Amino acid sequence: MKQKLNVNQIPALKQEILDLPEKEKNQLLIRLINKDQVLIEQLHFKLLEDEYDLIKRFEDLKAEIETTLKDNFDSIINSKYTDKGKLYLRMIRNLSSRINHYAKVTKDVNGELRLRTILLIDSSAKYKSIQNEDSVIGYKARLYQVSKIKTMITLFGKLHEDLKYDYSDDFYESIEDTIVSNLQIEIIQSKLKYKTLSNE
């Protein structure tokens, strides 16, 4: 496998690039940025948006999560038994990837944690019969949710102390209800210390 080149590993090339005329450097920069859609969104957010845009991004994605879970309910529940779990798992993975994208663009740890919490609570409650079914795919769905709780614990550790208290007040009780009623066995198996999220 051919090794990827890194400009920092070729000092002479790096210096030649830095010495290019300003106009030529700018053209190269724009051309490279245009090849990376996530970078374009990151720059747009950083350079052109403010706190109100962040709130809108959060609320839009929150609404998308809630709407997707609601609008797909009948079609998933009424699908063939062998397809229900697969469709459910695919849906929550897709929604989780939307949260990943939000986090990449905004670097908003608090918003990411809250969105992941909303997805965990709402999906586990609304699709409880599928997530708790005694099948391989049901088990996979529960393990997937536990993996997201691990992510949430990591994010919680990055929050400012004031935000930790706000988060615990707003969400922890709901999370605990979800865990106790839906994911307790997998939590125990994973030895996951989810009570960290309570900030006690």
C-alpha atoms as a PDB file:
ATOM      1  CA  MET A   1       0.000   0.000   0.000  1.00  0.00           C
ATOM      2  CA  LYS A   2       1.390   3.353  -1.058  1.00  0.00           C
ATOM      3  CA  GLN A   3       2.190   5.689   1.850  1.00  0.00           C
ATOM      4  CA  LYS A   4       0.245   8.962   1.898  1.00  0.00           C
ATOM      5  CA  LEU A   5       2.326  12.073   1.447  1.00  0.00           C
ATOM      6  CA  ASN A   6       2.318  14.733   4.136  1.00  0.00           C
ATOM      7  CA  VAL A   7       3.605  18.211   3.301  1.00  0.00           C
ATOM      8  CA  ASN A   8       5.015  18.594   6.826  1.00  0.00           C
ATOM      9  CA  GLN A   9       7.300  15.629   6.113  1.00  0.00           C
ATOM     10  CA  ILE A  10       8.759  17.390   3.070  1.00  0.00           C
ATOM     11  CA  PRO A  11      10.170  20.684   4.428  1.00  0.00           C
ATOM     12  CA  ALA A  12      11.424  21.891   1.046  1.00  0.00           C
ATOM     13  CA  LEU A  13       7.990  21.491  -0.556  1.00  0.00           C
ATOM     14  CA  LYS A  14       6.290  23.130   2.430  1.00  0.00           C
ATOM     15  CA  GLN A  15       8.557  26.152   2.138  1.00  0.00           C
ATOM     16  CA  GLU A  16       7.962  26.449  -1.621  1.00  0.00           C
ATOM     17  CA  ILE A  17       4.207  26.419  -1.007  1.00  0.00           C
ATOM     18  CA  LEU A  18       4.512  29.089   1.676  1.00  0.00           C
ATOM     19  CA  ASP A  19       6.583  31.201  -0.721  1.00  0.00           C
ATOM     20  CA  LEU A  20       3.970  31.106  -3.498  1.00  0.00           C
ATOM     21  CA  PRO A  21       2.437  34.466  -4.476  1.00  0.00           C
ATOM     22  CA  GLU A  22      -0.598  35.361  -2.340  1.00  0.00           C
ATOM     23  CA  LYS A  23      -3.050  35.124  -5.234  1.00  0.00           C
ATOM     24  CA  GLU A  24      -1.863  31.657  -6.220  1.00  0.00           C
ATOM     25  CA  LYS A  25      -1.994  30.448  -2.608  1.00  0.00           C
ATOM     26  CA  ASN A  26      -5.539  31.736  -2.254  1.00  0.00           C
ATOM     27  CA  GLN A  27      -6.629  29.941  -5.427  1.00  0.00           C
ATOM     28  CA  LEU A  28      -5.118  26.697  -4.180  1.00  0.00           C
ATOM     29  CA  LEU A  29      -6.743  27.173  -0.775  1.00  0.00           C
ATOM     30  CA  ILE A  30     -10.216  27.693  -2.230  1.00  0.00           C
ATOM     31  CA  ARG A  31      -9.798  24.726  -4.574  1.00  0.00           C
ATOM     32  CA  LEU A  32      -8.806  22.453  -1.682  1.00  0.00           C
ATOM     33  CA  ILE A  33     -11.607  23.692   0.581  1.00  0.00           C
ATOM     34  CA  ASN A  34     -14.164  23.004  -2.158  1.00  0.00           C
ATOM     35  CA  LYS A  35     -13.171  19.319  -2.094  1.00  0.00           C
ATOM     36  CA  ASP A  36     -14.230  18.930   1.553  1.00  0.00           C
ATOM     37  CA  GLN A  37     -17.933  19.565   2.226  1.00  0.00           C
ATOM     38  CA  VAL A  38     -17.555  19.207   5.999  1.00  0.00           C
ATOM     39  CA  LEU A  39     -14.749  21.763   6.022  1.00  0.00           C
ATOM     40  CA  ILE A  40     -16.940  24.187   4.063  1.00  0.00           C
ATOM     41  CA  GLU A  41     -19.692  23.803   6.677  1.00  0.00           C
ATOM     42  CA  GLN A  42     -17.186  24.176   9.517  1.00  0.00           C
ATOM     43  CA  LEU A  43     -15.836  27.401   8.016  1.00  0.00           C
ATOM     44  CA  HIS A  44     -19.326  28.709   7.302  1.00  0.00           C
ATOM     45  CA  PHE A  45     -20.302  28.075  10.917  1.00  0.00           C
ATOM     46  CA  LYS A  46     -17.105  29.546  12.348  1.00  0.00           C
ATOM     47  CA  LEU A  47     -16.904  32.621  10.130  1.00  0.00           C
ATOM     48  CA  LEU A  48     -20.496  33.531   9.261  1.00  0.00           C
ATOM     49  CA  GLU A  49     -22.762  32.192  12.022  1.00  0.00           C
ATOM     50  CA  ASP A  50     -23.455  33.213  15.623  1.00  0.00           C
ATOM     51  CA  GLU A  51     -25.095  31.776  18.762  1.00  0.00           C
ATOM     52  CA  TYR A  52     -28.573  32.137  17.256  1.00  0.00           C
ATOM     53  CA  ASP A  53     -27.539  30.012  14.286  1.00  0.00           C
ATOM     54  CA  LEU A  54     -26.206  27.391  16.710  1.00  0.00           C
ATOM     55  CA  ILE A  55     -29.537  27.341  18.530  1.00  0.00           C
ATOM     56  CA  LYS A  56     -31.343  26.956  15.196  1.00  0.00           C
ATOM     57  CA  ARG A  57     -29.061  24.092  14.140  1.00  0.00           C
ATOM     58  CA  PHE A  58     -29.739  22.369  17.464  1.00  0.00           C
ATOM     59  CA  GLU A  59     -33.510  22.869  17.309  1.00  0.00           C
ATOM     60  CA  ASP A  60     -33.688  21.780  13.656  1.00  0.00           C
ATOM     61  CA  LEU A  61     -31.826  18.537  14.362  1.00  0.00           C
ATOM     62  CA  LYS A  62     -33.861  17.914  17.530  1.00  0.00           C
ATOM     63  CA  ALA A  63     -37.039  18.290  15.456  1.00  0.00           C
ATOM     64  CA  GLU A  64     -35.612  15.997  12.763  1.00  0.00           C
ATOM     65  CA  ILE A  65     -34.888  13.291  15.355  1.00  0.00           C
ATOM     66  CA  GLU A  66     -38.355  13.531  16.887  1.00  0.00           C
ATOM     67  CA  THR A  67     -40.091  13.616  13.497  1.00  0.00           C
ATOM     68  CA  THR A  68     -38.088  10.692  12.097  1.00  0.00           C
ATOM     69  CA  LEU A  69     -38.844   8.502  15.116  1.00  0.00           C
ATOM     70  CA  LYS A  70     -42.527   9.382  14.883  1.00  0.00           C
ATOM     71  CA  ASP A  71     -42.980   9.188  11.094  1.00  0.00           C
ATOM     72  CA  ASN A  72     -41.261   5.806  10.745  1.00  0.00           C
ATOM     73  CA  PHE A  73     -43.044   4.146  13.634  1.00  0.00           C
ATOM     74  CA  ASP A  74     -45.975   2.615  11.756  1.00  0.00           C
ATOM     75  CA  SER A  75     -43.925   1.362   8.814  1.00  0.00           C
ATOM     76  CA  ILE A  76     -41.326  -0.260  11.089  1.00  0.00           C
ATOM     77  CA  ILE A  77     -43.821  -1.768  13.542  1.00  0.00           C
ATOM     78  CA  ASN A  78     -45.952  -3.135  10.690  1.00  0.00           C
ATOM     79  CA  SER A  79     -43.043  -4.589   8.722  1.00  0.00           C
ATOM     80  CA  LYS A  80     -42.128  -8.284   8.723  1.00  0.00           C
ATOM     81  CA  TYR A  81     -40.870  -9.600  12.064  1.00  0.00           C
ATOM     82  CA  THR A  82     -37.443 -10.319  10.586  1.00  0.00           C
ATOM     83  CA  ASP A  83     -37.154  -6.736   9.269  1.00  0.00           C
ATOM     84  CA  LYS A  84     -38.342  -4.717  12.279  1.00  0.00           C
ATOM     85  CA  GLY A  85     -35.098  -4.789  14.239  1.00  0.00           C
ATOM     86  CA  LYS A  86     -32.957  -4.127  11.180  1.00  0.00           C
ATOM     87  CA  LEU A  87     -35.041  -1.112  10.175  1.00  0.00           C
ATOM     88  CA  TYR A  88     -35.004   0.250  13.721  1.00  0.00           C
ATOM     89  CA  LEU A  89     -31.254  -0.150  14.096  1.00  0.00           C
ATOM     90  CA  ARG A  90     -30.647   1.451  10.700  1.00  0.00           C
ATOM     91  CA  MET A  91     -32.825   4.412  11.661  1.00  0.00           C
ATOM     92  CA  ILE A  92     -31.106   5.147  14.977  1.00  0.00           C
ATOM     93  CA  ARG A  93     -27.676   4.718  13.367  1.00  0.00           C
ATOM     94  CA  ASN A  94     -28.622   7.220  10.661  1.00  0.00           C
ATOM     95  CA  LEU A  95     -29.871   9.693  13.259  1.00  0.00           C
ATOM     96  CA  SER A  96     -26.695   9.206  15.265  1.00  0.00           C
ATOM     97  CA  SER A  97     -24.641   9.980  12.161  1.00  0.00           C
ATOM     98  CA  ARG A  98     -26.619  13.229  11.808  1.00  0.00           C
ATOM     99  CA  ILE A  99     -25.567  14.101  15.366  1.00  0.00           C
ATOM    100  CA  ASN A 100     -21.958  13.208  14.483  1.00  0.00           C
ATOM    101  CA  HIS A 101     -22.149  15.672  11.605  1.00  0.00           C
ATOM    102  CA  TYR A 102     -23.596  18.384  13.856  1.00  0.00           C
ATOM    103  CA  ALA A 103     -20.713  17.846  16.299  1.00  0.00           C
ATOM    104  CA  LYS A 104     -18.067  17.959  13.559  1.00  0.00           C
ATOM    105  CA  VAL A 105     -19.389  21.248  12.218  1.00  0.00           C
ATOM    106  CA  THR A 106     -20.183  23.095  15.466  1.00  0.00           C
ATOM    107  CA  LYS A 107     -17.874  21.503  18.080  1.00  0.00           C
ATOM    108  CA  ASP A 108     -20.854  21.999  20.435  1.00  0.00           C
ATOM    109  CA  VAL A 109     -20.314  19.401  23.181  1.00  0.00           C
ATOM    110  CA  ASN A 110     -23.357  20.455  25.195  1.00  0.00           C
ATOM    111  CA  GLY A 111     -25.647  20.320  22.170  1.00  0.00           C
ATOM    112  CA  GLU A 112     -24.248  16.979  21.046  1.00  0.00           C
ATOM    113  CA  LEU A 113     -24.776  15.453  24.493  1.00  0.00           C
ATOM    114  CA  ARG A 114     -28.365  16.696  24.677  1.00  0.00           C
ATOM    115  CA  LEU A 115     -29.180  15.450  21.176  1.00  0.00           C
ATOM    116  CA  ARG A 116     -27.728  12.019  21.962  1.00  0.00           C
ATOM    117  CA  THR A 117     -29.769  11.938  25.162  1.00  0.00           C
ATOM    118  CA  ILE A 118     -32.970  12.834  23.312  1.00  0.00           C
ATOM    119  CA  LEU A 119     -32.307  10.115  20.722  1.00  0.00           C
ATOM    120  CA  LEU A 120     -31.569   7.514  23.414  1.00  0.00           C
ATOM    121  CA  ILE A 121     -34.639   8.317  25.515  1.00  0.00           C
ATOM    122  CA  ASP A 122     -37.143   8.778  22.682  1.00  0.00           C
ATOM    123  CA  SER A 123     -36.056   5.808  20.575  1.00  0.00           C
ATOM    124  CA  SER A 124     -35.870   3.457  23.568  1.00  0.00           C
ATOM    125  CA  ALA A 125     -39.313   4.510  24.776  1.00  0.00           C
ATOM    126  CA  LYS A 126     -41.125   4.579  21.438  1.00  0.00           C
ATOM    127  CA  TYR A 127     -39.577   1.381  20.055  1.00  0.00           C
ATOM    128  CA  LYS A 128     -39.320  -0.492  23.349  1.00  0.00           C
ATOM    129  CA  SER A 129     -40.980  -3.651  21.985  1.00  0.00           C
ATOM    130  CA  ILE A 130     -38.378  -3.949  19.211  1.00  0.00           C
ATOM    131  CA  GLN A 131     -35.350  -2.947  21.260  1.00  0.00           C
ATOM    132  CA  ASN A 132     -36.274  -5.415  24.013  1.00  0.00           C
ATOM    133  CA  GLU A 133     -37.148  -8.377  21.833  1.00  0.00           C
ATOM    134  CA  ASP A 134     -35.309 -11.627  22.488  1.00  0.00           C
ATOM    135  CA  SER A 135     -33.434 -11.815  19.214  1.00  0.00           C
ATOM    136  CA  VAL A 136     -29.962 -11.217  17.822  1.00  0.00           C
ATOM    137  CA  ILE A 137     -30.979  -7.898  16.264  1.00  0.00           C
ATOM    138  CA  GLY A 138     -32.683  -6.783  19.493  1.00  0.00           C
ATOM    139  CA  TYR A 139     -29.478  -7.559  21.363  1.00  0.00           C
ATOM    140  CA  LYS A 140     -27.465  -5.623  18.762  1.00  0.00           C
ATOM    141  CA  ALA A 141     -29.790  -2.638  19.155  1.00  0.00           C
ATOM    142  CA  ARG A 142     -29.345  -2.664  22.925  1.00  0.00           C
ATOM    143  CA  LEU A 143     -25.556  -2.946  22.612  1.00  0.00           C
ATOM    144  CA  TYR A 144     -25.593  -0.052  20.146  1.00  0.00           C
ATOM    145  CA  GLN A 145     -27.513   2.101  22.631  1.00  0.00           C
ATOM    146  CA  VAL A 146     -25.037   1.173  25.373  1.00  0.00           C
ATOM    147  CA  SER A 147     -22.149   2.233  23.100  1.00  0.00           C
ATOM    148  CA  LYS A 148     -23.850   5.618  22.719  1.00  0.00           C
ATOM    149  CA  ILE A 149     -24.152   5.939  26.511  1.00  0.00           C
ATOM    150  CA  LYS A 150     -20.367   5.465  26.642  1.00  0.00           C
ATOM    151  CA  THR A 151     -20.056   8.367  24.208  1.00  0.00           C
ATOM    152  CA  MET A 152     -22.415  10.431  26.380  1.00  0.00           C
ATOM    153  CA  ILE A 153     -20.292   9.773  29.486  1.00  0.00           C
ATOM    154  CA  THR A 154     -17.210  11.022  27.644  1.00  0.00           C
ATOM    155  CA  LEU A 155     -19.050  14.149  26.481  1.00  0.00           C
ATOM    156  CA  PHE A 156     -20.401  14.771  29.989  1.00  0.00           C
ATOM    157  CA  GLY A 157     -16.839  14.791  31.311  1.00  0.00           C
ATOM    158  CA  LYS A 158     -15.995  17.627  28.905  1.00  0.00           C
ATOM    159  CA  LEU A 159     -18.809  19.917  30.067  1.00  0.00           C
ATOM    160  CA  HIS A 160     -18.303  22.996  32.224  1.00  0.00           C
ATOM    161  CA  GLU A 161     -19.384  22.325  35.817  1.00  0.00           C
ATOM    162  CA  ASP A 162     -22.439  24.592  35.537  1.00  0.00           C
ATOM    163  CA  LEU A 163     -23.608  22.767  32.425  1.00  0.00           C
ATOM    164  CA  LYS A 164     -23.144  19.432  34.191  1.00  0.00           C
ATOM    165  CA  TYR A 165     -25.652  20.462  36.834  1.00  0.00           C
ATOM    166  CA  ASP A 166     -28.070  21.737  34.197  1.00  0.00           C
ATOM    167  CA  TYR A 167     -27.772  18.499  32.253  1.00  0.00           C
ATOM    168  CA  SER A 168     -28.291  16.326  35.314  1.00  0.00           C
ATOM    169  CA  ASP A 169     -31.353  18.295  36.364  1.00  0.00           C
ATOM    170  CA  ASP A 170     -32.884  18.174  32.886  1.00  0.00           C
ATOM    171  CA  PHE A 171     -32.089  14.669  31.678  1.00  0.00           C
ATOM    172  CA  TYR A 172     -30.572  12.239  34.152  1.00  0.00           C
ATOM    173  CA  GLU A 173     -33.814  10.969  35.672  1.00  0.00           C
ATOM    174  CA  SER A 174     -35.190  10.188  32.208  1.00  0.00           C
ATOM    175  CA  ILE A 175     -31.969   8.447  31.211  1.00  0.00           C
ATOM    176  CA  GLU A 176     -32.033   6.329  34.365  1.00  0.00           C
ATOM    177  CA  ASP A 177     -35.630   5.277  33.660  1.00  0.00           C
ATOM    178  CA  THR A 178     -34.608   4.250  30.139  1.00  0.00           C
ATOM    179  CA  ILE A 179     -31.587   2.316  31.352  1.00  0.00           C
ATOM    180  CA  VAL A 180     -33.391   0.495  34.157  1.00  0.00           C
ATOM    181  CA  SER A 181     -36.344  -0.492  31.984  1.00  0.00           C
ATOM    182  CA  ASN A 182     -34.569  -1.222  28.696  1.00  0.00           C
ATOM    183  CA  LEU A 183     -30.808  -1.648  28.971  1.00  0.00           C
ATOM    184  CA  GLN A 184     -29.999  -2.816  32.489  1.00  0.00           C
ATOM    185  CA  ILE A 185     -28.586  -6.246  31.553  1.00  0.00           C
ATOM    186  CA  GLU A 186     -26.303  -4.862  28.825  1.00  0.00           C
ATOM    187  CA  ILE A 187     -25.219  -2.025  31.145  1.00  0.00           C
ATOM    188  CA  ILE A 188     -24.194  -4.566  33.796  1.00  0.00           C
ATOM    189  CA  GLN A 189     -22.411  -6.721  31.212  1.00  0.00           C
ATOM    190  CA  SER A 190     -20.518  -3.680  29.937  1.00  0.00           C
ATOM    191  CA  LYS A 191     -19.651  -2.577  33.500  1.00  0.00           C
ATOM    192  CA  LEU A 192     -20.699   0.896  32.430  1.00  0.00           C
ATOM    193  CA  LYS A 193     -20.769   3.469  35.218  1.00  0.00           C
ATOM    194  CA  TYR A 194     -23.666   5.443  33.795  1.00  0.00           C
ATOM    195  CA  LYS A 195     -24.391   7.147  37.135  1.00  0.00           C
ATOM    196  CA  THR A 196     -21.482   9.426  36.277  1.00  0.00           C
ATOM    197  CA  LEU A 197     -24.101  11.329  34.282  1.00  0.00           C
ATOM    198  CA  SER A 198     -25.927  12.207  37.502  1.00  0.00           C
ATOM    199  CA  ASN A 199     -23.051  14.491  38.599  1.00  0.00           C
ATOM    200  CA  GLU A 200     -23.339  13.174  42.139  1.00  0.00           C
END
